[in-house]
Amino acid sequence: MTSEERAALKESIQIKIVETKQKIIALEEVTQPISPENSIGRVSRMDAINNKSVSEAALRQAKKQLASLQIALTKVDNSNFGTCSNCKKAIQKARLLFMPESAKCVRCAR
């Protein structure tokens, strides 16, 4: 991987970190407890509880992705970054741009 490619990848990771942090903030607002004194119907309350549950799962996933992106950012300058941890071949550049936290190539990730 060339130094220009590493710089582009590092910039991509930093952008994804900012986007993920914004997503986490938005999801944290949506996952606030549902107040029982709100005057909404029983079905609406059940729907709100279900939506909250889905948002909580998305929040957990976003936090996990943020942690992985931050790790990837610290490792991007290592010489072995972009090498599959399983088969030791280079991870495809498109995969690294799309999922910079990937430690495995597409074939090994399956």
C-alpha atoms as a PDB file:
ATOM      1  CA  MET A   1       0.000   0.000   0.000  1.00  0.00           C
ATOM      2  CA  THR A   2       1.447   3.362  -1.022  1.00  0.00           C
ATOM      3  CA  SER A   3       1.706   6.339   1.306  1.00  0.00           C
ATOM      4  CA  GLU A   4      -0.970   8.165  -0.724  1.00  0.00           C
ATOM      5  CA  GLU A   5      -3.330   5.218  -0.328  1.00  0.00           C
ATOM      6  CA  ARG A   6      -2.642   5.134   3.415  1.00  0.00           C
ATOM      7  CA  ALA A   7      -3.317   8.861   3.686  1.00  0.00           C
ATOM      8  CA  ALA A   8      -6.588   8.497   1.756  1.00  0.00           C
ATOM      9  CA  LEU A   9      -7.583   5.554   3.937  1.00  0.00           C
ATOM     10  CA  LYS A  10      -6.705   7.468   7.104  1.00  0.00           C
ATOM     11  CA  GLU A  11      -8.875  10.372   5.952  1.00  0.00           C
ATOM     12  CA  SER A  12     -11.705   7.965   5.142  1.00  0.00           C
ATOM     13  CA  ILE A  13     -11.463   6.431   8.620  1.00  0.00           C
ATOM     14  CA  GLN A  14     -11.531   9.858  10.263  1.00  0.00           C
ATOM     15  CA  ILE A  15     -14.648  10.807   8.276  1.00  0.00           C
ATOM     16  CA  LYS A  16     -16.336   7.535   9.252  1.00  0.00           C
ATOM     17  CA  ILE A  17     -15.477   8.161  12.913  1.00  0.00           C
ATOM     18  CA  VAL A  18     -17.136  11.592  12.807  1.00  0.00           C
ATOM     19  CA  GLU A  19     -20.208  10.161  11.046  1.00  0.00           C
ATOM     20  CA  THR A  20     -20.455   7.298  13.526  1.00  0.00           C
ATOM     21  CA  LYS A  21     -20.190   9.655  16.500  1.00  0.00           C
ATOM     22  CA  GLN A  22     -23.042  11.736  15.049  1.00  0.00           C
ATOM     23  CA  LYS A  23     -25.077   8.583  14.533  1.00  0.00           C
ATOM     24  CA  ILE A  24     -24.458   7.547  18.152  1.00  0.00           C
ATOM     25  CA  ILE A  25     -25.638  10.937  19.416  1.00  0.00           C
ATOM     26  CA  ALA A  26     -28.831  10.670  17.364  1.00  0.00           C
ATOM     27  CA  LEU A  27     -29.472   7.107  18.516  1.00  0.00           C
ATOM     28  CA  GLU A  28     -28.888   8.009  22.162  1.00  0.00           C
ATOM     29  CA  GLU A  29     -31.616  10.625  21.875  1.00  0.00           C
ATOM     30  CA  VAL A  30     -34.034   8.093  20.365  1.00  0.00           C
ATOM     31  CA  THR A  31     -33.318   5.468  23.019  1.00  0.00           C
ATOM     32  CA  GLN A  32     -34.311   7.600  25.986  1.00  0.00           C
ATOM     33  CA  PRO A  33     -36.788   5.918  28.356  1.00  0.00           C
ATOM     34  CA  ILE A  34     -40.439   6.176  27.361  1.00  0.00           C
ATOM     35  CA  SER A  35     -42.304   8.100  29.993  1.00  0.00           C
ATOM     36  CA  PRO A  36     -45.394   6.240  31.273  1.00  0.00           C
ATOM     37  CA  GLU A  37     -47.290   9.449  31.834  1.00  0.00           C
ATOM     38  CA  ASN A  38     -47.290  10.354  28.139  1.00  0.00           C
ATOM     39  CA  SER A  39     -50.855  10.324  26.873  1.00  0.00           C
ATOM     40  CA  ILE A  40     -50.374   7.931  23.984  1.00  0.00           C
ATOM     41  CA  GLY A  41     -52.452   4.867  23.346  1.00  0.00           C
ATOM     42  CA  ARG A  42     -51.478   1.348  24.359  1.00  0.00           C
ATOM     43  CA  VAL A  43     -50.677   0.294  20.779  1.00  0.00           C
ATOM     44  CA  SER A  44     -48.655   3.472  20.198  1.00  0.00           C
ATOM     45  CA  ARG A  45     -46.730   2.839  23.432  1.00  0.00           C
ATOM     46  CA  MET A  46     -45.985  -0.750  22.357  1.00  0.00           C
ATOM     47  CA  ASP A  47     -44.817   0.535  18.973  1.00  0.00           C
ATOM     48  CA  ALA A  48     -42.600   3.126  20.698  1.00  0.00           C
ATOM     49  CA  ILE A  49     -41.098   0.434  22.944  1.00  0.00           C
ATOM     50  CA  ASN A  50     -40.412  -1.766  19.907  1.00  0.00           C
ATOM     51  CA  ASN A  51     -38.779   1.132  18.035  1.00  0.00           C
ATOM     52  CA  LYS A  52     -36.679   1.893  21.113  1.00  0.00           C
ATOM     53  CA  SER A  53     -35.498  -1.711  21.181  1.00  0.00           C
ATOM     54  CA  VAL A  54     -34.479  -1.578  17.517  1.00  0.00           C
ATOM     55  CA  SER A  55     -32.687   1.735  18.108  1.00  0.00           C
ATOM     56  CA  GLU A  56     -30.840   0.277  21.106  1.00  0.00           C
ATOM     57  CA  ALA A  57     -29.532  -2.553  18.930  1.00  0.00           C
ATOM     58  CA  ALA A  58     -28.412  -0.028  16.309  1.00  0.00           C
ATOM     59  CA  LEU A  59     -26.726   2.007  19.055  1.00  0.00           C
ATOM     60  CA  ARG A  60     -24.783  -1.017  20.309  1.00  0.00           C
ATOM     61  CA  GLN A  61     -23.672  -1.769  16.732  1.00  0.00           C
ATOM     62  CA  ALA A  62     -22.620   1.851  16.144  1.00  0.00           C
ATOM     63  CA  LYS A  63     -20.567   1.891  19.361  1.00  0.00           C
ATOM     64  CA  LYS A  64     -18.883  -1.346  18.338  1.00  0.00           C
ATOM     65  CA  GLN A  65     -18.113   0.076  14.897  1.00  0.00           C
ATOM     66  CA  LEU A  66     -16.711   3.272  16.443  1.00  0.00           C
ATOM     67  CA  ALA A  67     -14.346   1.252  18.622  1.00  0.00           C
ATOM     68  CA  SER A  68     -13.216  -0.766  15.595  1.00  0.00           C
ATOM     69  CA  LEU A  69     -12.671   2.393  13.536  1.00  0.00           C
ATOM     70  CA  GLN A  70     -10.605   3.968  16.308  1.00  0.00           C
ATOM     71  CA  ILE A  71      -8.443   0.843  16.470  1.00  0.00           C
ATOM     72  CA  ALA A  72      -8.072   0.879  12.678  1.00  0.00           C
ATOM     73  CA  LEU A  73      -6.999   4.532  12.819  1.00  0.00           C
ATOM     74  CA  THR A  74      -4.198   3.694  15.247  1.00  0.00           C
ATOM     75  CA  LYS A  75      -3.052   0.769  13.100  1.00  0.00           C
ATOM     76  CA  VAL A  76      -3.309   2.336   9.629  1.00  0.00           C
ATOM     77  CA  ASP A  77       0.373   3.349   9.623  1.00  0.00           C
ATOM     78  CA  ASN A  78       1.578  -0.173  10.505  1.00  0.00           C
ATOM     79  CA  SER A  79       3.230  -2.022   7.645  1.00  0.00           C
ATOM     80  CA  ASN A  80       0.922  -5.037   8.020  1.00  0.00           C
ATOM     81  CA  PHE A  81      -2.296  -2.972   7.950  1.00  0.00           C
ATOM     82  CA  GLY A  82      -4.443  -4.138   5.057  1.00  0.00           C
ATOM     83  CA  THR A  83      -3.177  -7.695   5.281  1.00  0.00           C
ATOM     84  CA  CYS A  84      -5.703 -10.439   5.988  1.00  0.00           C
ATOM     85  CA  SER A  85      -5.225 -11.875   9.451  1.00  0.00           C
ATOM     86  CA  ASN A  86      -6.235 -15.306   8.163  1.00  0.00           C
ATOM     87  CA  CYS A  87      -4.607 -15.906   4.754  1.00  0.00           C
ATOM     88  CA  LYS A  88      -1.970 -13.125   4.985  1.00  0.00           C
ATOM     89  CA  LYS A  89      -2.897 -11.765   1.519  1.00  0.00           C
ATOM     90  CA  ALA A  90      -3.683  -8.114   0.861  1.00  0.00           C
ATOM     91  CA  ILE A  91      -7.238  -7.032   1.661  1.00  0.00           C
ATOM     92  CA  GLN A  92      -8.916  -5.478  -1.367  1.00  0.00           C
ATOM     93  CA  LYS A  93      -8.661  -1.671  -1.413  1.00  0.00           C
ATOM     94  CA  ALA A  94     -12.385  -1.276  -2.043  1.00  0.00           C
ATOM     95  CA  ARG A  95     -13.122  -3.348   1.073  1.00  0.00           C
ATOM     96  CA  LEU A  96     -10.743  -1.245   3.168  1.00  0.00           C
ATOM     97  CA  LEU A  97     -12.383   1.959   1.929  1.00  0.00           C
ATOM     98  CA  PHE A  98     -15.851   0.606   2.674  1.00  0.00           C
ATOM     99  CA  MET A  99     -14.967  -1.174   5.911  1.00  0.00           C
ATOM    100  CA  PRO A 100     -11.574   0.087   7.126  1.00  0.00           C
ATOM    101  CA  GLU A 101     -11.978  -1.869  10.346  1.00  0.00           C
ATOM    102  CA  SER A 102     -11.831  -5.151   8.390  1.00  0.00           C
ATOM    103  CA  ALA A 103      -9.089  -7.502   9.490  1.00  0.00           C
ATOM    104  CA  LYS A 104      -9.951 -10.161   6.898  1.00  0.00           C
ATOM    105  CA  CYS A 105     -10.348 -10.245   3.142  1.00  0.00           C
ATOM    106  CA  VAL A 106     -13.758 -10.954   1.633  1.00  0.00           C
ATOM    107  CA  ARG A 107     -12.994 -14.628   1.077  1.00  0.00           C
ATOM    108  CA  CYS A 108     -11.811 -15.285   4.618  1.00  0.00           C
ATOM    109  CA  ALA A 109     -14.603 -13.188   6.166  1.00  0.00           C
ATOM    110  CA  ARG A 110     -17.228 -15.526   4.714  1.00  0.00           C
END
